[in-house]
Amino acid sequence: MTNNSETTTTPEDQAVPVHLYVLLDRSGSMQSIHAETVAGFNAFLAGQQINGADARLTLVQFDDQDVA
């Protein structure tokens, strides 16, 4: 008896590494939704961890302050 249950991987089946870019507004106008923003970002990260994909994240923050 032979085992013909061999599986093949097609390019569509292979995980593709992902680079996520997040731009975060830290200006004073965003203070009223600070908690919701943090909660949403944390939920997004949790979803990415569950997904198990190979991902990198770049987080960039800006605000209304001058750079010295």
N, C-alpha and C. Protein backbone atom coordinates (compact mmCIF):
# COMPACT_ATOMS: atom_id res chain seq x y z
N MET A 1 0.86 -1.17 0.00
CA MET A 1 0.00 0.00 0.00
C MET A 1 0.90 1.23 0.00
N THR A 2 0.60 2.17 -0.84
CA THR A 2 1.39 3.39 -0.91
C THR A 2 0.59 4.55 -0.34
N ASN A 3 1.31 5.51 0.17
CA ASN A 3 0.69 6.70 0.75
C ASN A 3 0.80 7.84 -0.25
N ASN A 4 -0.32 8.24 -0.81
CA ASN A 4 -0.34 9.32 -1.79
C ASN A 4 -0.91 10.61 -1.20
N SER A 5 -0.77 10.79 0.09
CA SER A 5 -1.34 11.98 0.74
C SER A 5 -0.32 13.11 0.85
N GLU A 6 0.59 13.13 -0.08
CA GLU A 6 1.61 14.17 -0.09
C GLU A 6 0.97 15.53 -0.39
N THR A 7 1.36 16.55 0.36
CA THR A 7 0.82 17.89 0.10
C THR A 7 1.89 18.73 -0.56
N THR A 8 1.45 19.57 -1.43
CA THR A 8 2.36 20.50 -2.08
C THR A 8 1.99 21.92 -1.69
N THR A 9 2.98 22.76 -1.68
CA THR A 9 2.76 24.16 -1.32
C THR A 9 2.87 25.01 -2.57
N THR A 10 1.84 25.76 -2.83
CA THR A 10 1.86 26.68 -3.96
C THR A 10 2.23 28.06 -3.44
N PRO A 11 2.68 28.95 -4.31
CA PRO A 11 3.03 30.30 -3.86
C PRO A 11 1.89 30.99 -3.13
N GLU A 12 0.64 30.70 -3.49
CA GLU A 12 -0.49 31.34 -2.82
C GLU A 12 -0.63 30.87 -1.38
N ASP A 13 -0.14 29.65 -1.08
CA ASP A 13 -0.25 29.08 0.26
C ASP A 13 0.85 29.57 1.19
N GLN A 14 1.91 30.10 0.66
CA GLN A 14 3.04 30.50 1.48
C GLN A 14 2.79 31.86 2.11
N ALA A 15 3.17 31.97 3.38
CA ALA A 15 3.02 33.24 4.08
C ALA A 15 3.99 34.26 3.51
N VAL A 16 3.51 35.45 3.32
CA VAL A 16 4.34 36.54 2.81
C VAL A 16 4.64 37.47 3.97
N PRO A 17 5.91 37.76 4.23
CA PRO A 17 6.23 38.70 5.31
C PRO A 17 5.56 40.06 5.06
N VAL A 18 5.11 40.68 6.13
CA VAL A 18 4.40 41.95 6.04
C VAL A 18 5.14 42.99 6.86
N HIS A 19 5.19 44.21 6.36
CA HIS A 19 5.73 45.33 7.13
C HIS A 19 4.59 46.32 7.31
N LEU A 20 4.20 46.51 8.57
CA LEU A 20 3.10 47.41 8.91
C LEU A 20 3.67 48.76 9.32
N TYR A 21 3.08 49.81 8.83
CA TYR A 21 3.47 51.16 9.19
C TYR A 21 2.29 51.82 9.89
N VAL A 22 2.56 52.37 11.08
CA VAL A 22 1.51 53.04 11.84
C VAL A 22 1.97 54.47 12.12
N LEU A 23 1.14 55.43 11.79
CA LEU A 23 1.40 56.84 12.04
C LEU A 23 0.46 57.28 13.15
N LEU A 24 1.02 57.67 14.28
CA LEU A 24 0.23 57.99 15.47
C LEU A 24 0.29 59.47 15.78
N ASP A 25 -0.86 60.09 15.83
CA ASP A 25 -1.00 61.52 16.15
C ASP A 25 -1.06 61.69 17.66
N ARG A 26 -0.04 62.31 18.26
CA ARG A 26 0.00 62.53 19.70
C ARG A 26 -0.34 63.98 20.06
N SER A 27 -0.86 64.73 19.14
CA SER A 27 -1.13 66.15 19.40
C SER A 27 -2.25 66.30 20.42
N GLY A 28 -2.36 67.48 20.95
CA GLY A 28 -3.36 67.77 21.97
C GLY A 28 -4.78 67.49 21.54
N SER A 29 -5.07 67.66 20.26
CA SER A 29 -6.43 67.44 19.79
C SER A 29 -6.85 65.97 19.89
N MET A 30 -5.92 65.08 20.07
CA MET A 30 -6.23 63.65 20.15
C MET A 30 -6.41 63.17 21.58
N GLN A 31 -6.18 64.03 22.56
CA GLN A 31 -6.26 63.61 23.96
C GLN A 31 -7.62 63.06 24.35
N SER A 32 -8.68 63.57 23.75
CA SER A 32 -10.03 63.11 24.12
C SER A 32 -10.29 61.66 23.72
N ILE A 33 -9.52 61.13 22.78
CA ILE A 33 -9.72 59.74 22.37
C ILE A 33 -8.46 58.90 22.62
N HIS A 34 -7.64 59.34 23.55
CA HIS A 34 -6.39 58.64 23.87
C HIS A 34 -6.64 57.19 24.25
N ALA A 35 -7.55 56.96 25.21
CA ALA A 35 -7.81 55.60 25.69
C ALA A 35 -8.33 54.71 24.57
N GLU A 36 -9.23 55.23 23.74
CA GLU A 36 -9.78 54.45 22.64
C GLU A 36 -8.70 54.11 21.61
N THR A 37 -7.80 55.06 21.38
CA THR A 37 -6.72 54.83 20.42
C THR A 37 -5.79 53.74 20.90
N VAL A 38 -5.41 53.80 22.17
CA VAL A 38 -4.53 52.78 22.75
C VAL A 38 -5.22 51.41 22.71
N ALA A 39 -6.48 51.37 23.09
CA ALA A 39 -7.22 50.10 23.08
C ALA A 39 -7.32 49.53 21.67
N GLY A 40 -7.60 50.38 20.70
CA GLY A 40 -7.70 49.92 19.32
C GLY A 40 -6.37 49.41 18.78
N PHE A 41 -5.30 50.12 19.11
CA PHE A 41 -3.97 49.70 18.68
C PHE A 41 -3.60 48.36 19.31
N ASN A 42 -3.88 48.21 20.61
CA ASN A 42 -3.59 46.95 21.29
C ASN A 42 -4.41 45.80 20.71
N ALA A 43 -5.67 46.06 20.37
CA ALA A 43 -6.51 45.03 19.76
C ALA A 43 -5.96 44.64 18.38
N PHE A 44 -5.50 45.63 17.63
CA PHE A 44 -4.91 45.36 16.33
C PHE A 44 -3.68 44.46 16.48
N LEU A 45 -2.80 44.79 17.44
CA LEU A 45 -1.60 43.98 17.66
C LEU A 45 -1.96 42.56 18.08
N ALA A 46 -2.95 42.43 18.96
CA ALA A 46 -3.39 41.10 19.39
C ALA A 46 -3.88 40.28 18.20
N GLY A 47 -4.61 40.91 17.31
CA GLY A 47 -5.08 40.23 16.11
C GLY A 47 -3.94 39.78 15.22
N GLN A 48 -2.91 40.59 15.12
CA GLN A 48 -1.75 40.23 14.32
C GLN A 48 -1.02 39.05 14.94
N GLN A 49 -0.94 39.00 16.27
CA GLN A 49 -0.28 37.88 16.94
C GLN A 49 -1.06 36.59 16.73
N ILE A 50 -2.38 36.67 16.78
CA ILE A 50 -3.21 35.48 16.56
C ILE A 50 -3.05 34.99 15.13
N ASN A 51 -2.95 35.92 14.20
CA ASN A 51 -2.77 35.59 12.79
C ASN A 51 -1.52 34.76 12.59
N GLY A 52 -0.47 35.06 13.35
CA GLY A 52 0.77 34.31 13.27
C GLY A 52 1.63 34.62 12.06
N ALA A 53 1.28 35.64 11.33
CA ALA A 53 2.06 36.00 10.13
C ALA A 53 3.41 36.58 10.53
N ASP A 54 4.36 36.46 9.63
CA ASP A 54 5.67 37.07 9.82
C ASP A 54 5.52 38.56 9.52
N ALA A 55 5.52 39.37 10.57
CA ALA A 55 5.27 40.80 10.38
C ALA A 55 6.25 41.64 11.18
N ARG A 56 6.57 42.79 10.63
CA ARG A 56 7.36 43.81 11.32
C ARG A 56 6.50 45.05 11.40
N LEU A 57 6.77 45.86 12.42
CA LEU A 57 5.96 47.05 12.64
C LEU A 57 6.87 48.26 12.80
N THR A 58 6.55 49.33 12.09
CA THR A 58 7.22 50.61 12.28
C THR A 58 6.17 51.57 12.81
N LEU A 59 6.45 52.15 13.96
CA LEU A 59 5.53 53.10 14.59
C LEU A 59 6.19 54.47 14.56
N VAL A 60 5.50 55.44 13.97
CA VAL A 60 5.98 56.82 13.91
C VAL A 60 4.96 57.69 14.63
N GLN A 61 5.43 58.54 15.53
CA GLN A 61 4.55 59.43 16.27
C GLN A 61 4.87 60.88 15.91
N PHE A 62 3.83 61.70 15.93
CA PHE A 62 4.04 63.12 15.74
C PHE A 62 3.09 63.87 16.65
N ASP A 63 3.46 65.12 16.93
CA ASP A 63 2.60 65.97 17.75
C ASP A 63 2.71 67.41 17.26
N ASP A 64 2.21 68.32 18.07
CA ASP A 64 2.19 69.73 17.67
C ASP A 64 3.35 70.53 18.27
N GLN A 65 4.39 69.84 18.73
CA GLN A 65 5.54 70.50 19.33
C GLN A 65 6.63 70.73 18.29
N ASP A 66 7.32 71.86 18.43
CA ASP A 66 8.46 72.15 17.56
C ASP A 66 9.64 71.27 17.96
N VAL A 67 10.44 70.91 16.99
CA VAL A 67 11.65 70.15 17.25
C VAL A 67 12.76 71.15 17.54
N ALA A 68 13.44 70.95 18.64
CA ALA A 68 14.50 71.89 19.04
C ALA A 68 15.77 71.68 18.27
